[in-house]
Amino acid sequence: RVAIKWLRPGDTVSAERFLREVRVAQQVAPFCTAQVLATGA
């Protein structure tokens, strides 16, 4: 089981930029956080 947050609609360029920005969250060490496993669109 995983949790998936699906964001509200936006334009394609913004979606691509969003995914590039949010991938940095996968670098967070798993101390008391919910680990980010993947991104997609």
PDB file of all heavy atoms in Angstrom:
ATOM      1  N   ARG A   1       0.818  -1.209   0.000  1.00  0.00           N
ATOM      2  CA  ARG A   1       0.000   0.000   0.000  1.00  0.00           C
ATOM      3  C   ARG A   1       0.852   1.259   0.000  1.00  0.00           C
ATOM      4  O   ARG A   1       1.874   1.332   0.687  1.00  0.00           O
ATOM      5  CB  ARG A   1      -0.949   0.004   1.200  1.00  0.00           C
ATOM      6  CG  ARG A   1      -2.037  -1.072   1.095  1.00  0.00           C
ATOM      7  CD  ARG A   1      -3.083  -0.914   2.182  1.00  0.00           C
ATOM      8  NE  ARG A   1      -4.238  -1.760   1.923  1.00  0.00           N
ATOM      9  CZ  ARG A   1      -5.383  -1.690   2.587  1.00  0.00           C
ATOM     10  NH1 ARG A   1      -5.514  -0.812   3.582  1.00  0.00           N
ATOM     11  NH2 ARG A   1      -6.386  -2.480   2.282  1.00  0.00           N
ATOM     12  N   VAL A   2       0.402   2.239  -0.753  1.00  0.00           N
ATOM     13  CA  VAL A   2       1.058   3.536  -0.828  1.00  0.00           C
ATOM     14  C   VAL A   2      -0.010   4.616  -0.800  1.00  0.00           C
ATOM     15  O   VAL A   2      -1.203   4.342  -0.979  1.00  0.00           O
ATOM     16  CB  VAL A   2       1.898   3.680  -2.122  1.00  0.00           C
ATOM     17  CG1 VAL A   2       3.036   2.672  -2.148  1.00  0.00           C
ATOM     18  CG2 VAL A   2       1.014   3.543  -3.359  1.00  0.00           C
ATOM     19  N   ALA A   3       0.417   5.844  -0.563  1.00  0.00           N
ATOM     20  CA  ALA A   3      -0.480   6.993  -0.657  1.00  0.00           C
ATOM     21  C   ALA A   3      -0.102   7.788  -1.897  1.00  0.00           C
ATOM     22  O   ALA A   3       1.082   7.999  -2.174  1.00  0.00           O
ATOM     23  CB  ALA A   3      -0.366   7.866   0.587  1.00  0.00           C
ATOM     24  N   ILE A   4      -1.112   8.222  -2.672  1.00  0.00           N
ATOM     25  CA  ILE A   4      -0.869   8.992  -3.887  1.00  0.00           C
ATOM     26  C   ILE A   4      -1.651  10.295  -3.816  1.00  0.00           C
ATOM     27  O   ILE A   4      -2.869  10.281  -3.635  1.00  0.00           O
ATOM     28  CB  ILE A   4      -1.278   8.222  -5.157  1.00  0.00           C
ATOM     29  CG1 ILE A   4      -0.516   6.900  -5.259  1.00  0.00           C
ATOM     30  CG2 ILE A   4      -1.033   9.077  -6.398  1.00  0.00           C
ATOM     31  CD1 ILE A   4      -0.835   6.119  -6.505  1.00  0.00           C
ATOM     32  N   LYS A   5      -0.932  11.394  -3.969  1.00  0.00           N
ATOM     33  CA  LYS A   5      -1.582  12.699  -4.035  1.00  0.00           C
ATOM     34  C   LYS A   5      -1.630  13.121  -5.497  1.00  0.00           C
ATOM     35  O   LYS A   5      -0.592  13.315  -6.136  1.00  0.00           O
ATOM     36  CB  LYS A   5      -0.832  13.733  -3.198  1.00  0.00           C
ATOM     37  CG  LYS A   5      -1.565  15.073  -3.121  1.00  0.00           C
ATOM     38  CD  LYS A   5      -1.026  15.936  -1.999  1.00  0.00           C
ATOM     39  CE  LYS A   5      -1.925  17.141  -1.756  1.00  0.00           C
ATOM     40  NZ  LYS A   5      -1.533  17.899  -0.551  1.00  0.00           N
ATOM     41  N   TRP A   6      -2.851  13.279  -6.032  1.00  0.00           N
ATOM     42  CA  TRP A   6      -3.062  13.667  -7.423  1.00  0.00           C
ATOM     43  C   TRP A   6      -3.521  15.108  -7.441  1.00  0.00           C
ATOM     44  O   TRP A   6      -4.584  15.449  -6.896  1.00  0.00           O
ATOM     45  CB  TRP A   6      -4.100  12.762  -8.072  1.00  0.00           C
ATOM     46  CG  TRP A   6      -4.111  12.809  -9.573  1.00  0.00           C
ATOM     47  CD1 TRP A   6      -3.089  13.115 -10.394  1.00  0.00           C
ATOM     48  CD2 TRP A   6      -5.223  12.498 -10.410  1.00  0.00           C
ATOM     49  NE1 TRP A   6      -3.466  13.021 -11.697  1.00  0.00           N
ATOM     50  CE2 TRP A   6      -4.776  12.641 -11.753  1.00  0.00           C
ATOM     51  CE3 TRP A   6      -6.535  12.091 -10.182  1.00  0.00           C
ATOM     52  CZ2 TRP A   6      -5.613  12.410 -12.847  1.00  0.00           C
ATOM     53  CZ3 TRP A   6      -7.367  11.857 -11.271  1.00  0.00           C
ATOM     54  CH2 TRP A   6      -6.920  12.012 -12.583  1.00  0.00           C
ATOM     55  N   LEU A   7      -2.723  15.978  -8.022  1.00  0.00           N
ATOM     56  CA  LEU A   7      -3.001  17.400  -7.948  1.00  0.00           C
ATOM     57  C   LEU A   7      -4.078  17.849  -8.924  1.00  0.00           C
ATOM     58  O   LEU A   7      -4.392  17.154  -9.894  1.00  0.00           O
ATOM     59  CB  LEU A   7      -1.719  18.206  -8.159  1.00  0.00           C
ATOM     60  CG  LEU A   7      -0.957  18.473  -6.851  1.00  0.00           C
ATOM     61  CD1 LEU A   7      -0.279  17.214  -6.353  1.00  0.00           C
ATOM     62  CD2 LEU A   7       0.052  19.578  -7.027  1.00  0.00           C
ATOM     63  N   ARG A   8      -4.618  19.028  -8.644  1.00  0.00           N
ATOM     64  CA  ARG A   8      -5.637  19.624  -9.500  1.00  0.00           C
ATOM     65  C   ARG A   8      -5.081  19.862 -10.903  1.00  0.00           C
ATOM     66  O   ARG A   8      -3.874  19.994 -11.088  1.00  0.00           O
ATOM     67  CB  ARG A   8      -6.118  20.954  -8.918  1.00  0.00           C
ATOM     68  CG  ARG A   8      -6.676  20.862  -7.518  1.00  0.00           C
ATOM     69  CD  ARG A   8      -7.989  20.128  -7.493  1.00  0.00           C
ATOM     70  NE  ARG A   8      -8.544  20.085  -6.139  1.00  0.00           N
ATOM     71  CZ  ARG A   8      -9.502  19.246  -5.762  1.00  0.00           C
ATOM     72  NH1 ARG A   8     -10.000  18.377  -6.627  1.00  0.00           N
ATOM     73  NH2 ARG A   8      -9.959  19.271  -4.530  1.00  0.00           N
ATOM     74  N   PRO A   9      -5.960  19.973 -11.911  1.00  0.00           N
ATOM     75  CA  PRO A   9      -5.489  20.185 -13.281  1.00  0.00           C
ATOM     76  C   PRO A   9      -4.717  21.488 -13.422  1.00  0.00           C
ATOM     77  O   PRO A   9      -4.986  22.486 -12.765  1.00  0.00           O
ATOM     78  CB  PRO A   9      -6.785  20.235 -14.105  1.00  0.00           C
ATOM     79  CG  PRO A   9      -7.792  19.518 -13.272  1.00  0.00           C
ATOM     80  CD  PRO A   9      -7.417  19.802 -11.838  1.00  0.00           C
ATOM     81  N   GLY A  10      -3.712  21.464 -14.302  1.00  0.00           N
ATOM     82  CA  GLY A  10      -2.932  22.650 -14.646  1.00  0.00           C
ATOM     83  C   GLY A  10      -2.425  22.471 -16.052  1.00  0.00           C
ATOM     84  O   GLY A  10      -2.746  21.489 -16.725  1.00  0.00           O
ATOM     85  N   ASP A  11      -1.628  23.380 -16.565  1.00  0.00           N
ATOM     86  CA  ASP A  11      -1.133  23.205 -17.925  1.00  0.00           C
ATOM     87  C   ASP A  11       0.041  22.241 -17.944  1.00  0.00           C
ATOM     88  O   ASP A  11       0.676  21.983 -16.930  1.00  0.00           O
ATOM     89  CB  ASP A  11      -0.736  24.546 -18.550  1.00  0.00           C
ATOM     90  CG  ASP A  11       0.369  25.226 -17.761  1.00  0.00           C
ATOM     91  OD1 ASP A  11       1.520  24.802 -17.935  1.00  0.00           O
ATOM     92  OD2 ASP A  11       0.061  26.152 -16.983  1.00  0.00           O
ATOM     93  N   THR A  12       0.321  21.695 -19.129  1.00  0.00           N
ATOM     94  CA  THR A  12       1.330  20.639 -19.265  1.00  0.00           C
ATOM     95  C   THR A  12       2.707  21.093 -18.803  1.00  0.00           C
ATOM     96  O   THR A  12       3.417  20.382 -18.109  1.00  0.00           O
ATOM     97  CB  THR A  12       1.414  20.178 -20.735  1.00  0.00           C
ATOM     98  OG1 THR A  12       0.124  19.748 -21.149  1.00  0.00           O
ATOM     99  CG2 THR A  12       2.404  19.038 -20.893  1.00  0.00           C
ATOM    100  N   VAL A  13       3.093  22.320 -19.178  1.00  0.00           N
ATOM    101  CA  VAL A  13       4.416  22.806 -18.788  1.00  0.00           C
ATOM    102  C   VAL A  13       4.531  22.863 -17.278  1.00  0.00           C
ATOM    103  O   VAL A  13       5.528  22.467 -16.691  1.00  0.00           O
ATOM    104  CB  VAL A  13       4.666  24.195 -19.408  1.00  0.00           C
ATOM    105  CG1 VAL A  13       5.977  24.777 -18.879  1.00  0.00           C
ATOM    106  CG2 VAL A  13       4.711  24.093 -20.925  1.00  0.00           C
ATOM    107  N   SER A  14       3.463  23.317 -16.614  1.00  0.00           N
ATOM    108  CA  SER A  14       3.510  23.408 -15.165  1.00  0.00           C
ATOM    109  C   SER A  14       3.618  22.024 -14.537  1.00  0.00           C
ATOM    110  O   SER A  14       4.302  21.845 -13.542  1.00  0.00           O
ATOM    111  CB  SER A  14       2.256  24.122 -14.644  1.00  0.00           C
ATOM    112  OG  SER A  14       2.261  25.471 -15.049  1.00  0.00           O
ATOM    113  N   ALA A  15       2.929  21.035 -15.105  1.00  0.00           N
ATOM    114  CA  ALA A  15       3.004  19.679 -14.567  1.00  0.00           C
ATOM    115  C   ALA A  15       4.427  19.144 -14.660  1.00  0.00           C
ATOM    116  O   ALA A  15       4.949  18.535 -13.720  1.00  0.00           O
ATOM    117  CB  ALA A  15       2.038  18.762 -15.324  1.00  0.00           C
ATOM    118  N   GLU A  16       5.092  19.367 -15.811  1.00  0.00           N
ATOM    119  CA  GLU A  16       6.462  18.892 -15.965  1.00  0.00           C
ATOM    120  C   GLU A  16       7.396  19.597 -14.990  1.00  0.00           C
ATOM    121  O   GLU A  16       8.269  18.978 -14.379  1.00  0.00           O
ATOM    122  CB  GLU A  16       6.920  19.128 -17.408  1.00  0.00           C
ATOM    123  CG  GLU A  16       6.188  18.259 -18.429  1.00  0.00           C
ATOM    124  CD  GLU A  16       6.540  18.627 -19.848  1.00  0.00           C
ATOM    125  OE1 GLU A  16       7.253  19.635 -20.030  1.00  0.00           O
ATOM    126  OE2 GLU A  16       6.089  17.925 -20.769  1.00  0.00           O
ATOM    127  N   ARG A  17       7.226  20.898 -14.856  1.00  0.00           N
ATOM    128  CA  ARG A  17       8.067  21.652 -13.914  1.00  0.00           C
ATOM    129  C   ARG A  17       7.818  21.195 -12.489  1.00  0.00           C
ATOM    130  O   ARG A  17       8.743  21.069 -11.689  1.00  0.00           O
ATOM    131  CB  ARG A  17       7.782  23.146 -14.046  1.00  0.00           C
ATOM    132  CG  ARG A  17       8.320  23.774 -15.314  1.00  0.00           C
ATOM    133  CD  ARG A  17       8.012  25.256 -15.356  1.00  0.00           C
ATOM    134  NE  ARG A  17       8.626  25.935 -14.242  1.00  0.00           N
ATOM    135  CZ  ARG A  17       8.206  27.109 -13.764  1.00  0.00           C
ATOM    136  NH1 ARG A  17       7.162  27.692 -14.295  1.00  0.00           N
ATOM    137  NH2 ARG A  17       8.828  27.679 -12.745  1.00  0.00           N
ATOM    138  N   PHE A  18       6.553  20.931 -12.174  1.00  0.00           N
ATOM    139  CA  PHE A  18       6.217  20.486 -10.833  1.00  0.00           C
ATOM    140  C   PHE A  18       6.950  19.186 -10.502  1.00  0.00           C
ATOM    141  O   PHE A  18       7.528  19.036  -9.419  1.00  0.00           O
ATOM    142  CB  PHE A  18       4.709  20.274 -10.709  1.00  0.00           C
ATOM    143  CG  PHE A  18       4.279  19.755  -9.359  1.00  0.00           C
ATOM    144  CD1 PHE A  18       3.956  20.627  -8.338  1.00  0.00           C
ATOM    145  CD2 PHE A  18       4.231  18.392  -9.096  1.00  0.00           C
ATOM    146  CE1 PHE A  18       3.580  20.151  -7.100  1.00  0.00           C
ATOM    147  CE2 PHE A  18       3.861  17.906  -7.865  1.00  0.00           C
ATOM    148  CZ  PHE A  18       3.532  18.793  -6.863  1.00  0.00           C
ATOM    149  N   LEU A  19       6.928  18.232 -11.429  1.00  0.00           N
ATOM    150  CA  LEU A  19       7.575  16.950 -11.173  1.00  0.00           C
ATOM    151  C   LEU A  19       9.072  17.115 -10.986  1.00  0.00           C
ATOM    152  O   LEU A  19       9.676  16.446 -10.149  1.00  0.00           O
ATOM    153  CB  LEU A  19       7.276  15.976 -12.315  1.00  0.00           C
ATOM    154  CG  LEU A  19       5.819  15.509 -12.403  1.00  0.00           C
ATOM    155  CD1 LEU A  19       5.616  14.635 -13.624  1.00  0.00           C
ATOM    156  CD2 LEU A  19       5.407  14.767 -11.144  1.00  0.00           C
ATOM    157  N   ARG A  20       9.706  18.008 -11.756  1.00  0.00           N
ATOM    158  CA  ARG A  20      11.135  18.245 -11.566  1.00  0.00           C
ATOM    159  C   ARG A  20      11.409  18.830 -10.190  1.00  0.00           C
ATOM    160  O   ARG A  20      12.385  18.475  -9.525  1.00  0.00           O
ATOM    161  CB  ARG A  20      11.655  19.190 -12.659  1.00  0.00           C
ATOM    162  CG  ARG A  20      11.767  18.555 -14.031  1.00  0.00           C
ATOM    163  CD  ARG A  20      12.664  19.384 -14.935  1.00  0.00           C
ATOM    164  NE  ARG A  20      12.162  20.725 -15.142  1.00  0.00           N
ATOM    165  CZ  ARG A  20      11.360  21.079 -16.136  1.00  0.00           C
ATOM    166  NH1 ARG A  20      10.945  20.166 -16.998  1.00  0.00           N
ATOM    167  NH2 ARG A  20      10.976  22.332 -16.263  1.00  0.00           N
ATOM    168  N   GLU A  21      10.538  19.742  -9.764  1.00  0.00           N
ATOM    169  CA  GLU A  21      10.733  20.386  -8.469  1.00  0.00           C
ATOM    170  C   GLU A  21      10.535  19.404  -7.317  1.00  0.00           C
ATOM    171  O   GLU A  21      11.279  19.402  -6.339  1.00  0.00           O
ATOM    172  CB  GLU A  21       9.755  21.566  -8.313  1.00  0.00           C
ATOM    173  CG  GLU A  21      10.056  22.753  -9.205  1.00  0.00           C
ATOM    174  CD  GLU A  21      11.286  23.519  -8.747  1.00  0.00           C
ATOM    175  OE1 GLU A  21      11.627  23.433  -7.550  1.00  0.00           O
ATOM    176  OE2 GLU A  21      11.904  24.197  -9.580  1.00  0.00           O
ATOM    177  N   VAL A  22       9.496  18.554  -7.417  1.00  0.00           N
ATOM    178  CA  VAL A  22       9.140  17.724  -6.275  1.00  0.00           C
ATOM    179  C   VAL A  22      10.061  16.524  -6.123  1.00  0.00           C
ATOM    180  O   VAL A  22      10.121  15.911  -5.057  1.00  0.00           O
ATOM    181  CB  VAL A  22       7.667  17.257  -6.387  1.00  0.00           C
ATOM    182  CG1 VAL A  22       7.537  16.031  -7.278  1.00  0.00           C
ATOM    183  CG2 VAL A  22       7.068  16.970  -5.005  1.00  0.00           C
ATOM    184  N   ARG A  23      10.830  16.171  -7.177  1.00  0.00           N
ATOM    185  CA  ARG A  23      11.716  15.012  -7.077  1.00  0.00           C
ATOM    186  C   ARG A  23      12.788  15.178  -6.016  1.00  0.00           C
ATOM    187  O   ARG A  23      13.332  14.203  -5.525  1.00  0.00           O
ATOM    188  CB  ARG A  23      12.361  14.722  -8.437  1.00  0.00           C
ATOM    189  CG  ARG A  23      11.425  13.981  -9.384  1.00  0.00           C
ATOM    190  CD  ARG A  23      12.048  13.723 -10.732  1.00  0.00           C
ATOM    191  NE  ARG A  23      11.049  13.178 -11.634  1.00  0.00           N
ATOM    192  CZ  ARG A  23      10.898  13.556 -12.891  1.00  0.00           C
ATOM    193  NH1 ARG A  23      11.699  14.478 -13.396  1.00  0.00           N
ATOM    194  NH2 ARG A  23       9.968  13.028 -13.649  1.00  0.00           N
ATOM    195  N   VAL A  24      13.095  16.439  -5.693  1.00  0.00           N
ATOM    196  CA  VAL A  24      14.095  16.652  -4.646  1.00  0.00           C
ATOM    197  C   VAL A  24      13.621  16.097  -3.312  1.00  0.00           C
ATOM    198  O   VAL A  24      14.426  15.763  -2.439  1.00  0.00           O
ATOM    199  CB  VAL A  24      14.425  18.160  -4.519  1.00  0.00           C
ATOM    200  CG1 VAL A  24      13.293  18.927  -3.877  1.00  0.00           C
ATOM    201  CG2 VAL A  24      15.719  18.367  -3.741  1.00  0.00           C
ATOM    202  N   ALA A  25      12.292  15.956  -3.134  1.00  0.00           N
ATOM    203  CA  ALA A  25      11.763  15.410  -1.882  1.00  0.00           C
ATOM    204  C   ALA A  25      12.194  13.964  -1.670  1.00  0.00           C
ATOM    205  O   ALA A  25      12.194  13.465  -0.533  1.00  0.00           O
ATOM    206  CB  ALA A  25      10.237  15.505  -1.861  1.00  0.00           C
ATOM    207  N   GLN A  26      12.587  13.263  -2.749  1.00  0.00           N
ATOM    208  CA  GLN A  26      13.049  11.891  -2.607  1.00  0.00           C
ATOM    209  C   GLN A  26      14.415  11.821  -1.943  1.00  0.00           C
ATOM    210  O   GLN A  26      14.874  10.746  -1.571  1.00  0.00           O
ATOM    211  CB  GLN A  26      13.087  11.210  -3.975  1.00  0.00           C
ATOM    212  CG  GLN A  26      11.707  11.008  -4.577  1.00  0.00           C
ATOM    213  CD  GLN A  26      11.759  10.352  -5.945  1.00  0.00           C
ATOM    214  OE1 GLN A  26      11.850  11.003  -6.972  1.00  0.00           O
ATOM    215  NE2 GLN A  26      11.710   9.041  -5.960  1.00  0.00           N
ATOM    216  N   GLN A  27      15.086  12.973  -1.783  1.00  0.00           N
ATOM    217  CA  GLN A  27      16.396  13.000  -1.140  1.00  0.00           C
ATOM    218  C   GLN A  27      16.299  13.047   0.377  1.00  0.00           C
ATOM    219  O   GLN A  27      17.307  12.930   1.064  1.00  0.00           O
ATOM    220  CB  GLN A  27      17.178  14.224  -1.624  1.00  0.00           C
ATOM    221  CG  GLN A  27      17.396  14.263  -3.127  1.00  0.00           C
ATOM    222  CD  GLN A  27      18.079  15.538  -3.568  1.00  0.00           C
ATOM    223  OE1 GLN A  27      18.565  16.303  -2.748  1.00  0.00           O
ATOM    224  NE2 GLN A  27      18.119  15.783  -4.861  1.00  0.00           N
ATOM    225  N   VAL A  28      15.091  13.250   0.906  1.00  0.00           N
ATOM    226  CA  VAL A  28      14.954  13.422   2.350  1.00  0.00           C
ATOM    227  C   VAL A  28      15.189  12.102   3.070  1.00  0.00           C
ATOM    228  O   VAL A  28      14.583  11.083   2.735  1.00  0.00           O
ATOM    229  CB  VAL A  28      13.555  13.973   2.701  1.00  0.00           C
ATOM    230  CG1 VAL A  28      13.366  14.050   4.213  1.00  0.00           C
ATOM    231  CG2 VAL A  28      13.368  15.351   2.079  1.00  0.00           C
ATOM    232  N   ALA A  29      16.070  12.113   4.053  1.00  0.00           N
ATOM    233  CA  ALA A  29      16.317  10.916   4.862  1.00  0.00           C
ATOM    234  C   ALA A  29      15.057  10.569   5.646  1.00  0.00           C
ATOM    235  O   ALA A  29      14.327  11.458   6.097  1.00  0.00           O
ATOM    236  CB  ALA A  29      17.484  11.157   5.814  1.00  0.00           C
ATOM    237  N   PRO A  30      14.763   9.279   5.827  1.00  0.00           N
ATOM    238  CA  PRO A  30      13.473   8.878   6.404  1.00  0.00           C
ATOM    239  C   PRO A  30      13.413   8.982   7.922  1.00  0.00           C
ATOM    240  O   PRO A  30      13.098   8.026   8.615  1.00  0.00           O
ATOM    241  CB  PRO A  30      13.362   7.415   5.951  1.00  0.00           C
ATOM    242  CG  PRO A  30      14.773   6.943   5.895  1.00  0.00           C
ATOM    243  CD  PRO A  30      15.578   8.130   5.418  1.00  0.00           C
ATOM    244  N   PHE A  31      13.737  10.161   8.459  1.00  0.00           N
ATOM    245  CA  PHE A  31      13.603  10.383   9.890  1.00  0.00           C
ATOM    246  C   PHE A  31      12.235  10.999  10.155  1.00  0.00           C
ATOM    247  O   PHE A  31      12.010  12.173   9.889  1.00  0.00           O
ATOM    248  CB  PHE A  31      14.689  11.327  10.412  1.00  0.00           C
ATOM    249  CG  PHE A  31      16.063  10.724  10.423  1.00  0.00           C
ATOM    250  CD1 PHE A  31      16.945  10.971   9.405  1.00  0.00           C
ATOM    251  CD2 PHE A  31      16.475   9.907  11.461  1.00  0.00           C
ATOM    252  CE1 PHE A  31      18.213  10.436   9.409  1.00  0.00           C
ATOM    253  CE2 PHE A  31      17.745   9.361  11.485  1.00  0.00           C
ATOM    254  CZ  PHE A  31      18.609   9.624  10.452  1.00  0.00           C
ATOM    255  N   CYS A  32      11.299  10.224  10.670  1.00  0.00           N
ATOM    256  CA  CYS A  32       9.988  10.734  11.083  1.00  0.00           C
ATOM    257  C   CYS A  32       9.237  11.400   9.940  1.00  0.00           C
ATOM    258  O   CYS A  32       8.461  12.330  10.159  1.00  0.00           O
ATOM    259  CB  CYS A  32      10.126  11.703  12.262  1.00  0.00           C
ATOM    260  SG  CYS A  32      10.995  10.992  13.671  1.00  0.00           S
ATOM    261  N   THR A  33       9.459  10.950   8.714  1.00  0.00           N
ATOM    262  CA  THR A  33       8.725  11.465   7.566  1.00  0.00           C
ATOM    263  C   THR A  33       8.122  10.305   6.802  1.00  0.00           C
ATOM    264  O   THR A  33       8.509   9.145   6.984  1.00  0.00           O
ATOM    265  CB  THR A  33       9.637  12.257   6.617  1.00  0.00           C
ATOM    266  OG1 THR A  33      10.664  11.387   6.123  1.00  0.00           O
ATOM    267  CG2 THR A  33      10.265  13.455   7.313  1.00  0.00           C
ATOM    268  N   ALA A  34       7.161  10.626   5.934  1.00  0.00           N
ATOM    269  CA  ALA A  34       6.623   9.635   5.000  1.00  0.00           C
ATOM    270  C   ALA A  34       7.469   9.722   3.739  1.00  0.00           C
ATOM    271  O   ALA A  34       7.456  10.733   3.044  1.00  0.00           O
ATOM    272  CB  ALA A  34       5.156   9.922   4.697  1.00  0.00           C
ATOM    273  N   GLN A  35       8.205   8.687   3.436  1.00  0.00           N
ATOM    274  CA  GLN A  35       9.166   8.725   2.340  1.00  0.00           C
ATOM    275  C   GLN A  35       8.468   8.893   1.000  1.00  0.00           C
ATOM    276  O   GLN A  35       7.489   8.214   0.692  1.00  0.00           O
ATOM    277  CB  GLN A  35       9.982   7.430   2.331  1.00  0.00           C
ATOM    278  CG  GLN A  35      11.068   7.405   1.273  1.00  0.00           C
ATOM    279  CD  GLN A  35      11.807   6.079   1.272  1.00  0.00           C
ATOM    280  OE1 GLN A  35      11.546   5.211   2.100  1.00  0.00           O
ATOM    281  NE2 GLN A  35      12.722   5.918   0.339  1.00  0.00           N
ATOM    282  N   VAL A  36       8.977   9.814   0.183  1.00  0.00           N
ATOM    283  CA  VAL A  36       8.483   9.978  -1.181  1.00  0.00           C
ATOM    284  C   VAL A  36       9.108   8.885  -2.039  1.00  0.00           C
ATOM    285  O   VAL A  36      10.329   8.755  -2.111  1.00  0.00           O
ATOM    286  CB  VAL A  36       8.827  11.372  -1.738  1.00  0.00           C
ATOM    287  CG1 VAL A  36       8.405  11.484  -3.198  1.00  0.00           C
ATOM    288  CG2 VAL A  36       8.136  12.446  -0.913  1.00  0.00           C
ATOM    289  N   LEU A  37       8.260   8.084  -2.701  1.00  0.00           N
ATOM    290  CA  LEU A  37       8.737   6.915  -3.426  1.00  0.00           C
ATOM    291  C   LEU A  37       8.854   7.146  -4.927  1.00  0.00           C
ATOM    292  O   LEU A  37       9.742   6.604  -5.573  1.00  0.00           O
ATOM    293  CB  LEU A  37       7.797   5.725  -3.177  1.00  0.00           C
ATOM    294  CG  LEU A  37       7.580   5.350  -1.709  1.00  0.00           C
ATOM    295  CD1 LEU A  37       6.491   4.304  -1.588  1.00  0.00           C
ATOM    296  CD2 LEU A  37       8.871   4.841  -1.091  1.00  0.00           C
ATOM    297  N   ALA A  38       7.936   7.923  -5.500  1.00  0.00           N
ATOM    298  CA  ALA A  38       7.934   8.103  -6.947  1.00  0.00           C
ATOM    299  C   ALA A  38       7.070   9.304  -7.306  1.00  0.00           C
ATOM    300  O   ALA A  38       6.313   9.821  -6.477  1.00  0.00           O
ATOM    301  CB  ALA A  38       7.413   6.844  -7.652  1.00  0.00           C
ATOM    302  N   THR A  39       7.191   9.737  -8.557  1.00  0.00           N
ATOM    303  CA  THR A  39       6.333  10.792  -9.095  1.00  0.00           C
ATOM    304  C   THR A  39       5.888  10.376 -10.481  1.00  0.00           C
ATOM    305  O   THR A  39       6.477   9.494 -11.114  1.00  0.00           O
ATOM    306  CB  THR A  39       7.072  12.138  -9.179  1.00  0.00           C
ATOM    307  OG1 THR A  39       8.200  11.996 -10.036  1.00  0.00           O
ATOM    308  CG2 THR A  39       7.514  12.612  -7.805  1.00  0.00           C
ATOM    309  N   GLY A  40       4.869  11.019 -10.985  1.00  0.00           N
ATOM    310  CA  GLY A  40       4.375  10.723 -12.319  1.00  0.00           C
ATOM    311  C   GLY A  40       3.299  11.716 -12.703  1.00  0.00           C
ATOM    312  O   GLY A  40       2.996  12.657 -11.968  1.00  0.00           O
ATOM    313  N   ALA A  41       2.720  11.516 -13.869  1.00  0.00           N
ATOM    314  CA  ALA A  41       1.647  12.385 -14.329  1.00  0.00           C
ATOM    315  C   ALA A  41       0.605  11.553 -15.053  1.00  0.00           C
ATOM    316  O   ALA A  41       0.929  10.576 -15.737  1.00  0.00           O
ATOM    317  CB  ALA A  41       2.183  13.479 -15.243  1.00  0.00           C
TER     318      ALA A  41
END
